[in-house]
C-alpha cells in the first residue's frame, strides 16, 4: 500500500480537477482546495466542476474544500495554483505546513516579478517541503476523460519520486521519473510562450512550414536557456520539454496557442484575455523569460518577439518581419 493514500490538491481549475480525477482513479482519497464556494458545492454535491471543466463526472472520492487546512492534512500535496499566485498561497500556508511534506509543483510558468522558477518560490516560502515537479504533454480534458497521457515527474530524491509515481500513476496516466527539476520547469514555462508564437503563425496563415520551423527554433531557445540554468539537455528532449512543446504548439485546445491564434487574426490582447476564466500563463511568463535570458546572456529572439507583442511595443507584422530579417547563420 502506498503511504500517500490521501492526496491534497491546491487549485480547482481544469488541470487541478483533472489531476484530482486521476489521483482518485489511482485509488487515493483526494481533497481539492478551490477558491469559489459554488465550485466547492458543485464538486461535493454534483461531482462535477461545471465552471472550469464541465461535462465530466468526477470520482466520489474527490472532496472539495475552501479551507487550506484540509489540504495541509493530506499525505502529499499537488500545487496547481497559477504561477503568478503561487507565492501568495504558499506564504499563507507556510506556518502550518509540517516538516517533510511532499509538494509536487504542477503549474507551468515563471514568476513575473522575480523571474524565479516555481521550485525557487517553494524553497523561499515553504523550505520545510520536499519538492518535486510534474510536467509534460497533458491536456486537462484528455486526462479527466481517462485518455492516455505520459508526463515527467522530476524529484531529487528517487525514493520519494517513485512513491509519488505510484500514488498518482494509472494505466492511462504514466509519470516517468527524472531528477532534473530545472529542466522540467524550464520546458513547461518556455513552451507556453512558444505556443503563443505558433498560434500567431497559424493565425496569420503563414503555413505549416513556418509552424514547423518555429517549433524547431523555439526548442533551441528552450534548450539554450535550460542548459544555462543548469538543466540536463536530455530532460528537455523528453516529455516535459519537446513532448509538451509539440502538444501545446499543435492544438487550439491550448490556451496559449489559442491566444496566439487570436493575436494573429488581429484581435487585441485585452479583448482575448477578458473572455477567459482560465489563466494564459505564457502572457505573464514571456517578459519574465526575456529578463531571465538577458540576465544570463541567452539569445531567445522568438520569446523576445512574443514579449514585445504582449507588451504592445511591437505589432505582429513588425515582429514577424524582424524575425525573418535576422542574419542567416549556422544551425
C-alpha atoms as a PDB file:
ATOM      1  CA  UNK A   1       0.000   0.000   0.000  1.00  0.00           C
ATOM      2  CA  UNK A   2       1.406   3.388  -0.965  1.00  0.00           C
ATOM      3  CA  UNK A   3       1.981   5.653   2.028  1.00  0.00           C
ATOM      4  CA  UNK A   4       0.483   8.618   0.151  1.00  0.00           C
ATOM      5  CA  UNK A   5      -3.103   7.459   0.428  1.00  0.00           C
ATOM      6  CA  UNK A   6      -4.626  10.913   0.811  1.00  0.00           C
ATOM      7  CA  UNK A   7      -3.667  13.499  -1.794  1.00  0.00           C
ATOM      8  CA  UNK A   8      -4.315  17.213  -1.389  1.00  0.00           C
ATOM      9  CA  UNK A   9      -4.589  19.478  -4.422  1.00  0.00           C
ATOM     10  CA  UNK A  10      -4.217  23.256  -4.321  1.00  0.00           C
ATOM     11  CA  UNK A  11      -6.214  24.754  -7.182  1.00  0.00           C
ATOM     12  CA  UNK A  12      -9.596  23.874  -8.598  1.00  0.00           C
ATOM     13  CA  UNK A  13      -9.184  24.912 -12.214  1.00  0.00           C
ATOM     14  CA  UNK A  14      -9.289  22.496 -15.126  1.00  0.00           C
ATOM     15  CA  UNK A  15      -5.836  20.996 -14.551  1.00  0.00           C
ATOM     16  CA  UNK A  16      -6.266  20.689 -10.794  1.00  0.00           C
ATOM     17  CA  UNK A  17      -9.609  18.967 -11.332  1.00  0.00           C
ATOM     18  CA  UNK A  18      -8.127  16.593 -13.911  1.00  0.00           C
ATOM     19  CA  UNK A  19      -5.291  15.670 -11.556  1.00  0.00           C
ATOM     20  CA  UNK A  20      -7.802  15.107  -8.764  1.00  0.00           C
ATOM     21  CA  UNK A  21      -9.644  12.691 -11.050  1.00  0.00           C
ATOM     22  CA  UNK A  22      -6.540  10.704 -11.962  1.00  0.00           C
ATOM     23  CA  UNK A  23      -5.424  10.504  -8.317  1.00  0.00           C
ATOM     24  CA  UNK A  24      -8.858   9.188  -7.375  1.00  0.00           C
ATOM     25  CA  UNK A  25      -8.665   6.643 -10.205  1.00  0.00           C
ATOM     26  CA  UNK A  26      -5.305   5.589  -8.756  1.00  0.00           C
ATOM     27  CA  UNK A  27      -7.144   4.661  -5.570  1.00  0.00           C
ATOM     28  CA  UNK A  28      -6.401   7.741  -3.483  1.00  0.00           C
ATOM     29  CA  UNK A  29      -8.713   9.849  -1.386  1.00  0.00           C
ATOM     30  CA  UNK A  30      -8.468  13.354  -2.784  1.00  0.00           C
ATOM     31  CA  UNK A  31      -9.105  16.746  -1.201  1.00  0.00           C
ATOM     32  CA  UNK A  32      -9.046  19.667  -3.631  1.00  0.00           C
ATOM     33  CA  UNK A  33      -8.865  23.261  -2.431  1.00  0.00           C
ATOM     34  CA  UNK A  34     -10.918  25.649  -4.550  1.00  0.00           C
ATOM     35  CA  UNK A  35     -11.383  29.369  -4.072  1.00  0.00           C
ATOM     36  CA  UNK A  36     -15.035  29.582  -5.115  1.00  0.00           C
ATOM     37  CA  UNK A  37     -17.746  28.281  -2.732  1.00  0.00           C
ATOM     38  CA  UNK A  38     -20.008  27.417  -5.662  1.00  0.00           C
ATOM     39  CA  UNK A  39     -17.275  25.256  -7.226  1.00  0.00           C
ATOM     40  CA  UNK A  40     -16.819  23.510  -3.872  1.00  0.00           C
ATOM     41  CA  UNK A  41     -20.522  22.792  -3.580  1.00  0.00           C
ATOM     42  CA  UNK A  42     -20.762  21.704  -7.199  1.00  0.00           C
ATOM     43  CA  UNK A  43     -17.962  19.160  -6.825  1.00  0.00           C
ATOM     44  CA  UNK A  44     -19.241  17.828  -3.497  1.00  0.00           C
ATOM     45  CA  UNK A  45     -22.894  17.620  -4.459  1.00  0.00           C
ATOM     46  CA  UNK A  46     -22.989  17.058  -8.224  1.00  0.00           C
ATOM     47  CA  UNK A  47     -19.484  15.543  -8.642  1.00  0.00           C
ATOM     48  CA  UNK A  48     -18.684  17.947 -11.452  1.00  0.00           C
ATOM     49  CA  UNK A  49     -16.674  21.137 -11.845  1.00  0.00           C
ATOM     50  CA  UNK A  50     -19.172  22.966 -14.024  1.00  0.00           C
ATOM     51  CA  UNK A  51     -17.209  26.223 -14.024  1.00  0.00           C
ATOM     52  CA  UNK A  52     -13.767  25.049 -15.111  1.00  0.00           C
ATOM     53  CA  UNK A  53     -14.191  21.527 -16.503  1.00  0.00           C
ATOM     54  CA  UNK A  54     -17.856  20.943 -17.337  1.00  0.00           C
ATOM     55  CA  UNK A  55     -19.280  17.731 -18.708  1.00  0.00           C
ATOM     56  CA  UNK A  56     -17.115  15.247 -16.800  1.00  0.00           C
ATOM     57  CA  UNK A  57     -18.385  13.135 -13.899  1.00  0.00           C
ATOM     58  CA  UNK A  58     -15.855  13.237 -11.067  1.00  0.00           C
ATOM     59  CA  UNK A  59     -14.972  10.346  -8.798  1.00  0.00           C
ATOM     60  CA  UNK A  60     -16.921  10.351  -5.489  1.00  0.00           C
ATOM     61  CA  UNK A  61     -13.603  10.049  -3.627  1.00  0.00           C
ATOM     62  CA  UNK A  62     -12.872  13.692  -4.545  1.00  0.00           C
ATOM     63  CA  UNK A  63     -13.882  16.184  -1.856  1.00  0.00           C
ATOM     64  CA  UNK A  64     -13.675  19.928  -2.412  1.00  0.00           C
ATOM     65  CA  UNK A  65     -12.918  22.451   0.310  1.00  0.00           C
ATOM     66  CA  UNK A  66     -12.317  26.168   0.798  1.00  0.00           C
ATOM     67  CA  UNK A  67     -10.003  25.533   3.756  1.00  0.00           C
ATOM     68  CA  UNK A  68      -6.236  25.213   3.319  1.00  0.00           C
ATOM     69  CA  UNK A  69      -6.027  23.121   6.490  1.00  0.00           C
ATOM     70  CA  UNK A  70      -7.893  20.265   4.823  1.00  0.00           C
ATOM     71  CA  UNK A  71      -5.214  20.024   2.122  1.00  0.00           C
ATOM     72  CA  UNK A  72      -2.305  20.523   4.505  1.00  0.00           C
ATOM     73  CA  UNK A  73      -3.503  17.495   6.481  1.00  0.00           C
ATOM     74  CA  UNK A  74      -3.083  15.214   3.440  1.00  0.00           C
ATOM     75  CA  UNK A  75      -0.091  12.910   2.923  1.00  0.00           C
ATOM     76  CA  UNK A  76       1.190  14.768  -0.159  1.00  0.00           C
ATOM     77  CA  UNK A  77       0.212  17.975  -1.941  1.00  0.00           C
ATOM     78  CA  UNK A  78      -0.064  18.792  -5.633  1.00  0.00           C
ATOM     79  CA  UNK A  79       0.144  22.544  -6.233  1.00  0.00           C
ATOM     80  CA  UNK A  80      -1.819  23.665  -9.294  1.00  0.00           C
ATOM     81  CA  UNK A  81      -2.035  27.332  -8.311  1.00  0.00           C
ATOM     82  CA  UNK A  82      -1.297  29.618 -11.307  1.00  0.00           C
ATOM     83  CA  UNK A  83       2.344  30.649 -11.295  1.00  0.00           C
ATOM     84  CA  UNK A  84       1.691  34.331 -10.559  1.00  0.00           C
ATOM     85  CA  UNK A  85      -0.350  33.461  -7.440  1.00  0.00           C
ATOM     86  CA  UNK A  86       1.779  30.597  -6.105  1.00  0.00           C
ATOM     87  CA  UNK A  87       3.911  32.705  -3.756  1.00  0.00           C
ATOM     88  CA  UNK A  88       0.874  34.263  -2.090  1.00  0.00           C
ATOM     89  CA  UNK A  89      -0.749  30.882  -1.429  1.00  0.00           C
ATOM     90  CA  UNK A  90       2.477  29.268  -0.217  1.00  0.00           C
ATOM     91  CA  UNK A  91       3.118  32.209   2.103  1.00  0.00           C
ATOM     92  CA  UNK A  92      -0.376  31.833   3.519  1.00  0.00           C
ATOM     93  CA  UNK A  93       0.072  28.148   4.358  1.00  0.00           C
ATOM     94  CA  UNK A  94       3.755  28.374   5.286  1.00  0.00           C
ATOM     95  CA  UNK A  95       3.422  28.348   9.054  1.00  0.00           C
ATOM     96  CA  UNK A  96       1.050  25.392   9.056  1.00  0.00           C
ATOM     97  CA  UNK A  97       2.773  23.002   6.647  1.00  0.00           C
ATOM     98  CA  UNK A  98       4.536  20.178   8.528  1.00  0.00           C
ATOM     99  CA  UNK A  99       8.228  19.431   8.013  1.00  0.00           C
ATOM    100  CA  UNK A 100       8.915  16.947   5.245  1.00  0.00           C
ATOM    101  CA  UNK A 101       5.595  17.223   3.420  1.00  0.00           C
ATOM    102  CA  UNK A 102       5.979  16.414  -0.318  1.00  0.00           C
ATOM    103  CA  UNK A 103       4.799  19.250  -2.586  1.00  0.00           C
ATOM    104  CA  UNK A 104       4.519  18.369  -6.262  1.00  0.00           C
ATOM    105  CA  UNK A 105       4.604  21.531  -8.410  1.00  0.00           C
ATOM    106  CA  UNK A 106       2.167  21.190 -11.319  1.00  0.00           C
ATOM    107  CA  UNK A 107       1.906  24.800 -12.561  1.00  0.00           C
ATOM    108  CA  UNK A 108       3.979  25.910 -15.543  1.00  0.00           C
ATOM    109  CA  UNK A 109       5.405  29.392 -15.526  1.00  0.00           C
ATOM    110  CA  UNK A 110       7.962  31.905 -14.322  1.00  0.00           C
ATOM    111  CA  UNK A 111       7.180  34.367 -11.564  1.00  0.00           C
ATOM    112  CA  UNK A 112       6.898  37.662 -13.423  1.00  0.00           C
ATOM    113  CA  UNK A 113       8.064  39.959 -10.650  1.00  0.00           C
ATOM    114  CA  UNK A 114      11.211  37.983  -9.739  1.00  0.00           C
ATOM    115  CA  UNK A 115      11.934  35.788 -12.761  1.00  0.00           C
ATOM    116  CA  UNK A 116      12.110  32.770 -10.477  1.00  0.00           C
ATOM    117  CA  UNK A 117      11.060  29.194 -11.126  1.00  0.00           C
ATOM    118  CA  UNK A 118       8.284  27.689  -9.028  1.00  0.00           C
ATOM    119  CA  UNK A 119      10.815  25.500  -7.202  1.00  0.00           C
ATOM    120  CA  UNK A 120      12.642  28.684  -6.143  1.00  0.00           C
ATOM    121  CA  UNK A 121       9.368  30.142  -4.880  1.00  0.00           C
ATOM    122  CA  UNK A 122       8.700  26.912  -2.987  1.00  0.00           C
ATOM    123  CA  UNK A 123      12.179  26.959  -1.409  1.00  0.00           C
ATOM    124  CA  UNK A 124      11.698  30.543  -0.245  1.00  0.00           C
ATOM    125  CA  UNK A 125       8.175  30.206   1.110  1.00  0.00           C
ATOM    126  CA  UNK A 126       7.957  26.541   2.187  1.00  0.00           C
ATOM    127  CA  UNK A 127      11.551  25.479   2.913  1.00  0.00           C
ATOM    128  CA  UNK A 128      10.252  22.577   5.023  1.00  0.00           C
ATOM    129  CA  UNK A 129       8.575  20.964   1.993  1.00  0.00           C
ATOM    130  CA  UNK A 130      10.033  18.159  -0.124  1.00  0.00           C
ATOM    131  CA  UNK A 131       9.971  19.491  -3.720  1.00  0.00           C
ATOM    132  CA  UNK A 132       9.036  17.702  -6.931  1.00  0.00           C
ATOM    133  CA  UNK A 133       7.799  18.840 -10.355  1.00  0.00           C
ATOM    134  CA  UNK A 134       5.148  17.347 -12.643  1.00  0.00           C
ATOM    135  CA  UNK A 135       5.221  18.496 -16.264  1.00  0.00           C
ATOM    136  CA  UNK A 136       4.511  17.092 -19.690  1.00  0.00           C
ATOM    137  CA  UNK A 137       2.104  16.912 -22.640  1.00  0.00           C
ATOM    138  CA  UNK A 138      -1.275  16.558 -20.965  1.00  0.00           C
ATOM    139  CA  UNK A 139      -4.453  18.482 -21.685  1.00  0.00           C
ATOM    140  CA  UNK A 140      -6.896  18.500 -18.800  1.00  0.00           C
ATOM    141  CA  UNK A 141      -9.771  17.289 -20.975  1.00  0.00           C
ATOM    142  CA  UNK A 142      -7.741  14.235 -22.045  1.00  0.00           C
ATOM    143  CA  UNK A 143      -6.616  13.356 -18.534  1.00  0.00           C
ATOM    144  CA  UNK A 144     -10.035  13.745 -16.893  1.00  0.00           C
ATOM    145  CA  UNK A 145     -11.534  11.553 -19.630  1.00  0.00           C
ATOM    146  CA  UNK A 146      -9.010   8.813 -18.912  1.00  0.00           C
ATOM    147  CA  UNK A 147      -7.274   9.072 -22.296  1.00  0.00           C
ATOM    148  CA  UNK A 148      -3.593   8.020 -22.369  1.00  0.00           C
ATOM    149  CA  UNK A 149      -1.027  10.618 -21.296  1.00  0.00           C
ATOM    150  CA  UNK A 150       2.603  10.488 -20.189  1.00  0.00           C
ATOM    151  CA  UNK A 151       4.425  13.119 -18.117  1.00  0.00           C
ATOM    152  CA  UNK A 152       7.711  13.767 -16.367  1.00  0.00           C
ATOM    153  CA  UNK A 153       7.857  13.595 -12.580  1.00  0.00           C
ATOM    154  CA  UNK A 154      11.112  15.248 -11.502  1.00  0.00           C
ATOM    155  CA  UNK A 155      12.370  14.715  -7.961  1.00  0.00           C
ATOM    156  CA  UNK A 156      15.850  14.897  -6.441  1.00  0.00           C
ATOM    157  CA  UNK A 157      15.000  12.029  -4.087  1.00  0.00           C
ATOM    158  CA  UNK A 158      14.499   8.899  -6.210  1.00  0.00           C
ATOM    159  CA  UNK A 159      12.717   7.019  -3.413  1.00  0.00           C
ATOM    160  CA  UNK A 160      10.247   9.857  -2.888  1.00  0.00           C
ATOM    161  CA  UNK A 161       9.832  10.195  -6.643  1.00  0.00           C
ATOM    162  CA  UNK A 162       8.886   6.531  -7.017  1.00  0.00           C
ATOM    163  CA  UNK A 163       6.379   6.818  -4.165  1.00  0.00           C
ATOM    164  CA  UNK A 164       4.761   9.822  -5.833  1.00  0.00           C
ATOM    165  CA  UNK A 165       4.654   7.983  -9.147  1.00  0.00           C
ATOM    166  CA  UNK A 166       2.855   5.070  -7.532  1.00  0.00           C
ATOM    167  CA  UNK A 167       0.454   7.432  -5.768  1.00  0.00           C
ATOM    168  CA  UNK A 168      -0.749   9.266  -8.859  1.00  0.00           C
ATOM    169  CA  UNK A 169       0.015   6.933 -11.762  1.00  0.00           C
ATOM    170  CA  UNK A 170      -2.596   4.843 -13.551  1.00  0.00           C
ATOM    171  CA  UNK A 171      -2.504   2.726 -16.730  1.00  0.00           C
ATOM    172  CA  UNK A 172      -3.636   5.796 -18.685  1.00  0.00           C
ATOM    173  CA  UNK A 173      -1.648   8.447 -16.767  1.00  0.00           C
ATOM    174  CA  UNK A 174       2.003   7.462 -16.845  1.00  0.00           C
ATOM    175  CA  UNK A 175       4.612   9.513 -14.923  1.00  0.00           C
ATOM    176  CA  UNK A 176       8.245   8.933 -15.910  1.00  0.00           C
ATOM    177  CA  UNK A 177      10.835   9.660 -13.228  1.00  0.00           C
ATOM    178  CA  UNK A 178      13.622  12.220 -13.652  1.00  0.00           C
ATOM    179  CA  UNK A 179      15.887  14.080 -11.238  1.00  0.00           C
ATOM    180  CA  UNK A 180      16.103  17.393 -13.111  1.00  0.00           C
ATOM    181  CA  UNK A 181      13.653  19.880 -11.599  1.00  0.00           C
ATOM    182  CA  UNK A 182      15.123  22.819 -13.522  1.00  0.00           C
ATOM    183  CA  UNK A 183      14.717  21.088 -16.868  1.00  0.00           C
ATOM    184  CA  UNK A 184      11.129  20.116 -16.121  1.00  0.00           C
ATOM    185  CA  UNK A 185      10.265  23.677 -15.102  1.00  0.00           C
ATOM    186  CA  UNK A 186      12.042  25.435 -17.963  1.00  0.00           C
ATOM    187  CA  UNK A 187      10.336  23.193 -20.508  1.00  0.00           C
ATOM    188  CA  UNK A 188       6.911  23.887 -19.062  1.00  0.00           C
ATOM    189  CA  UNK A 189       7.421  27.639 -18.908  1.00  0.00           C
ATOM    190  CA  UNK A 190       9.060  28.234 -22.294  1.00  0.00           C
ATOM    191  CA  UNK A 191       6.632  26.060 -24.265  1.00  0.00           C
ATOM    192  CA  UNK A 192       3.728  28.299 -23.214  1.00  0.00           C
ATOM    193  CA  UNK A 193       5.387  31.328 -24.784  1.00  0.00           C
ATOM    194  CA  UNK A 194       6.322  29.416 -27.926  1.00  0.00           C
ATOM    195  CA  UNK A 195       2.720  28.227 -28.218  1.00  0.00           C
ATOM    196  CA  UNK A 196       1.610  31.862 -28.432  1.00  0.00           C
ATOM    197  CA  UNK A 197       4.127  32.344 -31.235  1.00  0.00           C
ATOM    198  CA  UNK A 198       2.883  29.236 -33.058  1.00  0.00           C
ATOM    199  CA  UNK A 199      -0.674  30.458 -32.734  1.00  0.00           C
ATOM    200  CA  UNK A 200       0.316  33.772 -34.298  1.00  0.00           C
ATOM    201  CA  UNK A 201       1.931  31.932 -37.224  1.00  0.00           C
ATOM    202  CA  UNK A 202      -1.244  29.977 -37.903  1.00  0.00           C
ATOM    203  CA  UNK A 203      -3.491  32.963 -37.238  1.00  0.00           C
ATOM    204  CA  UNK A 204      -1.544  34.900 -39.868  1.00  0.00           C
ATOM    205  CA  UNK A 205      -1.822  31.900 -42.208  1.00  0.00           C
ATOM    206  CA  UNK A 206       1.924  31.685 -42.685  1.00  0.00           C
ATOM    207  CA  UNK A 207       1.743  27.953 -43.387  1.00  0.00           C
ATOM    208  CA  UNK A 208       2.744  24.657 -41.843  1.00  0.00           C
ATOM    209  CA  UNK A 209       6.371  25.040 -42.906  1.00  0.00           C
ATOM    210  CA  UNK A 210       6.709  28.210 -40.839  1.00  0.00           C
ATOM    211  CA  UNK A 211       4.930  26.467 -37.972  1.00  0.00           C
ATOM    212  CA  UNK A 212       7.408  23.572 -38.020  1.00  0.00           C
ATOM    213  CA  UNK A 213      10.371  25.936 -38.273  1.00  0.00           C
ATOM    214  CA  UNK A 214       9.156  27.964 -35.308  1.00  0.00           C
ATOM    215  CA  UNK A 215       8.716  24.862 -33.126  1.00  0.00           C
ATOM    216  CA  UNK A 216      12.230  23.714 -34.006  1.00  0.00           C
ATOM    217  CA  UNK A 217      13.932  27.060 -33.459  1.00  0.00           C
ATOM    218  CA  UNK A 218      11.851  27.633 -30.341  1.00  0.00           C
ATOM    219  CA  UNK A 219      13.035  24.311 -28.968  1.00  0.00           C
ATOM    220  CA  UNK A 220      16.602  25.511 -29.499  1.00  0.00           C
ATOM    221  CA  UNK A 221      15.789  28.564 -27.352  1.00  0.00           C
ATOM    222  CA  UNK A 222      14.343  26.299 -24.661  1.00  0.00           C
ATOM    223  CA  UNK A 223      17.464  24.127 -24.563  1.00  0.00           C
ATOM    224  CA  UNK A 224      19.837  27.123 -24.536  1.00  0.00           C
ATOM    225  CA  UNK A 225      18.114  28.655 -21.527  1.00  0.00           C
ATOM    226  CA  UNK A 226      17.690  25.369 -19.710  1.00  0.00           C
ATOM    227  CA  UNK A 227      21.339  24.402 -20.058  1.00  0.00           C
ATOM    228  CA  UNK A 228      22.482  27.846 -18.908  1.00  0.00           C
ATOM    229  CA  UNK A 229      20.310  27.477 -15.792  1.00  0.00           C
ATOM    230  CA  UNK A 230      21.734  24.039 -15.038  1.00  0.00           C
ATOM    231  CA  UNK A 231      19.249  21.706 -16.719  1.00  0.00           C
ATOM    232  CA  UNK A 232      20.195  18.442 -18.395  1.00  0.00           C
ATOM    233  CA  UNK A 233      19.504  18.791 -22.142  1.00  0.00           C
ATOM    234  CA  UNK A 234      18.256  15.191 -22.170  1.00  0.00           C
ATOM    235  CA  UNK A 235      15.415  16.257 -19.891  1.00  0.00           C
ATOM    236  CA  UNK A 236      14.327  18.885 -22.394  1.00  0.00           C
ATOM    237  CA  UNK A 237      14.364  16.313 -25.189  1.00  0.00           C
ATOM    238  CA  UNK A 238      11.815  14.309 -23.226  1.00  0.00           C
ATOM    239  CA  UNK A 239       8.171  14.640 -22.259  1.00  0.00           C
ATOM    240  CA  UNK A 240       8.453  17.845 -20.234  1.00  0.00           C
ATOM    241  CA  UNK A 241      10.334  19.678 -22.983  1.00  0.00           C
ATOM    242  CA  UNK A 242       9.921  18.544 -26.579  1.00  0.00           C
ATOM    243  CA  UNK A 243       6.810  16.482 -25.817  1.00  0.00           C
ATOM    244  CA  UNK A 244       4.958  19.322 -24.156  1.00  0.00           C
ATOM    245  CA  UNK A 245       6.121  21.761 -26.817  1.00  0.00           C
ATOM    246  CA  UNK A 246       4.745  19.631 -29.648  1.00  0.00           C
ATOM    247  CA  UNK A 247       1.358  19.228 -27.973  1.00  0.00           C
ATOM    248  CA  UNK A 248       0.909  22.832 -26.898  1.00  0.00           C
ATOM    249  CA  UNK A 249       2.032  24.239 -30.244  1.00  0.00           C
ATOM    250  CA  UNK A 250      -0.201  21.943 -32.287  1.00  0.00           C
ATOM    251  CA  UNK A 251      -3.699  22.350 -30.884  1.00  0.00           C
ATOM    252  CA  UNK A 252      -6.077  25.220 -30.258  1.00  0.00           C
ATOM    253  CA  UNK A 253      -7.113  23.350 -27.088  1.00  0.00           C
ATOM    254  CA  UNK A 254      -4.038  25.040 -25.629  1.00  0.00           C
ATOM    255  CA  UNK A 255      -4.980  28.367 -24.034  1.00  0.00           C
ATOM    256  CA  UNK A 256      -1.634  29.794 -25.105  1.00  0.00           C
ATOM    257  CA  UNK A 257      -1.883  28.715 -28.726  1.00  0.00           C
ATOM    258  CA  UNK A 258      -5.482  29.888 -28.981  1.00  0.00           C
ATOM    259  CA  UNK A 259      -4.339  33.251 -27.613  1.00  0.00           C
ATOM    260  CA  UNK A 260      -1.712  33.417 -30.353  1.00  0.00           C
ATOM    261  CA  UNK A 261      -4.250  32.442 -32.995  1.00  0.00           C
ATOM    262  CA  UNK A 262      -6.461  35.339 -31.954  1.00  0.00           C
ATOM    263  CA  UNK A 263      -3.494  37.732 -31.945  1.00  0.00           C
ATOM    264  CA  UNK A 264      -2.525  36.572 -35.425  1.00  0.00           C
ATOM    265  CA  UNK A 265      -6.075  37.199 -36.589  1.00  0.00           C
ATOM    266  CA  UNK A 266      -5.852  40.781 -35.322  1.00  0.00           C
ATOM    267  CA  UNK A 267      -7.718  40.664 -32.005  1.00  0.00           C
ATOM    268  CA  UNK A 268      -6.411  42.905 -29.176  1.00  0.00           C
ATOM    269  CA  UNK A 269      -4.816  41.063 -26.252  1.00  0.00           C
ATOM    270  CA  UNK A 270      -7.038  42.615 -23.580  1.00  0.00           C
ATOM    271  CA  UNK A 271     -10.106  41.536 -25.531  1.00  0.00           C
ATOM    272  CA  UNK A 272      -8.765  37.983 -25.830  1.00  0.00           C
ATOM    273  CA  UNK A 273      -7.992  37.654 -22.131  1.00  0.00           C
ATOM    274  CA  UNK A 274     -11.156  39.343 -20.876  1.00  0.00           C
ATOM    275  CA  UNK A 275     -13.315  36.476 -22.085  1.00  0.00           C
ATOM    276  CA  UNK A 276     -11.309  33.766 -20.313  1.00  0.00           C
ATOM    277  CA  UNK A 277     -11.793  32.096 -16.952  1.00  0.00           C
ATOM    278  CA  UNK A 278      -8.527  30.176 -17.099  1.00  0.00           C
ATOM    279  CA  UNK A 279      -5.069  31.753 -16.912  1.00  0.00           C
ATOM    280  CA  UNK A 280      -2.967  32.020 -20.088  1.00  0.00           C
ATOM    281  CA  UNK A 281       0.405  31.501 -18.411  1.00  0.00           C
ATOM    282  CA  UNK A 282       2.537  32.398 -21.422  1.00  0.00           C
ATOM    283  CA  UNK A 283       1.368  36.017 -21.303  1.00  0.00           C
ATOM    284  CA  UNK A 284       2.932  36.537 -17.873  1.00  0.00           C
ATOM    285  CA  UNK A 285       5.907  34.243 -18.453  1.00  0.00           C
ATOM    286  CA  UNK A 286       7.111  35.896 -21.689  1.00  0.00           C
ATOM    287  CA  UNK A 287       8.515  39.127 -20.174  1.00  0.00           C
ATOM    288  CA  UNK A 288       9.925  37.213 -17.203  1.00  0.00           C
ATOM    289  CA  UNK A 289      11.710  34.793 -19.531  1.00  0.00           C
ATOM    290  CA  UNK A 290      13.146  37.662 -21.565  1.00  0.00           C
ATOM    291  CA  UNK A 291      14.620  39.265 -18.452  1.00  0.00           C
ATOM    292  CA  UNK A 292      15.945  35.908 -17.257  1.00  0.00           C
ATOM    293  CA  UNK A 293      17.525  35.154 -20.632  1.00  0.00           C
ATOM    294  CA  UNK A 294      19.102  38.596 -20.869  1.00  0.00           C
ATOM    295  CA  UNK A 295      20.497  38.250 -17.354  1.00  0.00           C
ATOM    296  CA  UNK A 296      22.197  35.000 -18.346  1.00  0.00           C
ATOM    297  CA  UNK A 297      23.227  36.132 -21.825  1.00  0.00           C
ATOM    298  CA  UNK A 298      20.964  33.677 -23.664  1.00  0.00           C
ATOM    299  CA  UNK A 299      19.651  34.546 -27.134  1.00  0.00           C
ATOM    300  CA  UNK A 300      15.856  33.950 -27.329  1.00  0.00           C
ATOM    301  CA  UNK A 301      14.560  36.002 -30.295  1.00  0.00           C
ATOM    302  CA  UNK A 302      11.180  34.242 -30.598  1.00  0.00           C
ATOM    303  CA  UNK A 303      10.477  34.703 -26.905  1.00  0.00           C
ATOM    304  CA  UNK A 304      11.526  38.347 -27.170  1.00  0.00           C
ATOM    305  CA  UNK A 305       9.171  38.881 -30.105  1.00  0.00           C
ATOM    306  CA  UNK A 306       6.226  37.402 -28.190  1.00  0.00           C
ATOM    307  CA  UNK A 307       7.015  39.560 -25.147  1.00  0.00           C
ATOM    308  CA  UNK A 308       7.177  42.685 -27.337  1.00  0.00           C
ATOM    309  CA  UNK A 309       3.796  41.908 -28.904  1.00  0.00           C
ATOM    310  CA  UNK A 310       2.226  41.245 -25.496  1.00  0.00           C
ATOM    311  CA  UNK A 311       3.625  44.497 -24.102  1.00  0.00           C
ATOM    312  CA  UNK A 312       2.292  46.462 -27.075  1.00  0.00           C
ATOM    313  CA  UNK A 313       5.814  47.519 -28.026  1.00  0.00           C
ATOM    314  CA  UNK A 314       5.615  45.909 -31.447  1.00  0.00           C
ATOM    315  CA  UNK A 315       2.869  44.825 -33.792  1.00  0.00           C
ATOM    316  CA  UNK A 316       2.539  41.253 -35.029  1.00  0.00           C
ATOM    317  CA  UNK A 317       3.631  42.111 -38.573  1.00  0.00           C
ATOM    318  CA  UNK A 318       6.682  44.040 -37.401  1.00  0.00           C
ATOM    319  CA  UNK A 319       7.719  41.208 -35.064  1.00  0.00           C
ATOM    320  CA  UNK A 320       7.448  38.681 -37.885  1.00  0.00           C
ATOM    321  CA  UNK A 321       9.461  40.950 -40.192  1.00  0.00           C
ATOM    322  CA  UNK A 322      12.213  41.328 -37.602  1.00  0.00           C
ATOM    323  CA  UNK A 323      12.474  37.567 -37.061  1.00  0.00           C
ATOM    324  CA  UNK A 324      12.621  36.847 -40.786  1.00  0.00           C
ATOM    325  CA  UNK A 325      15.243  39.579 -41.273  1.00  0.00           C
ATOM    326  CA  UNK A 326      17.728  38.129 -38.806  1.00  0.00           C
ATOM    327  CA  UNK A 327      21.118  37.286 -40.371  1.00  0.00           C
ATOM    328  CA  UNK A 328      21.489  33.793 -41.809  1.00  0.00           C
ATOM    329  CA  UNK A 329      23.673  31.577 -39.634  1.00  0.00           C
ATOM    330  CA  UNK A 330      24.714  28.002 -38.952  1.00  0.00           C
ATOM    331  CA  UNK A 331      22.162  25.820 -37.184  1.00  0.00           C
END
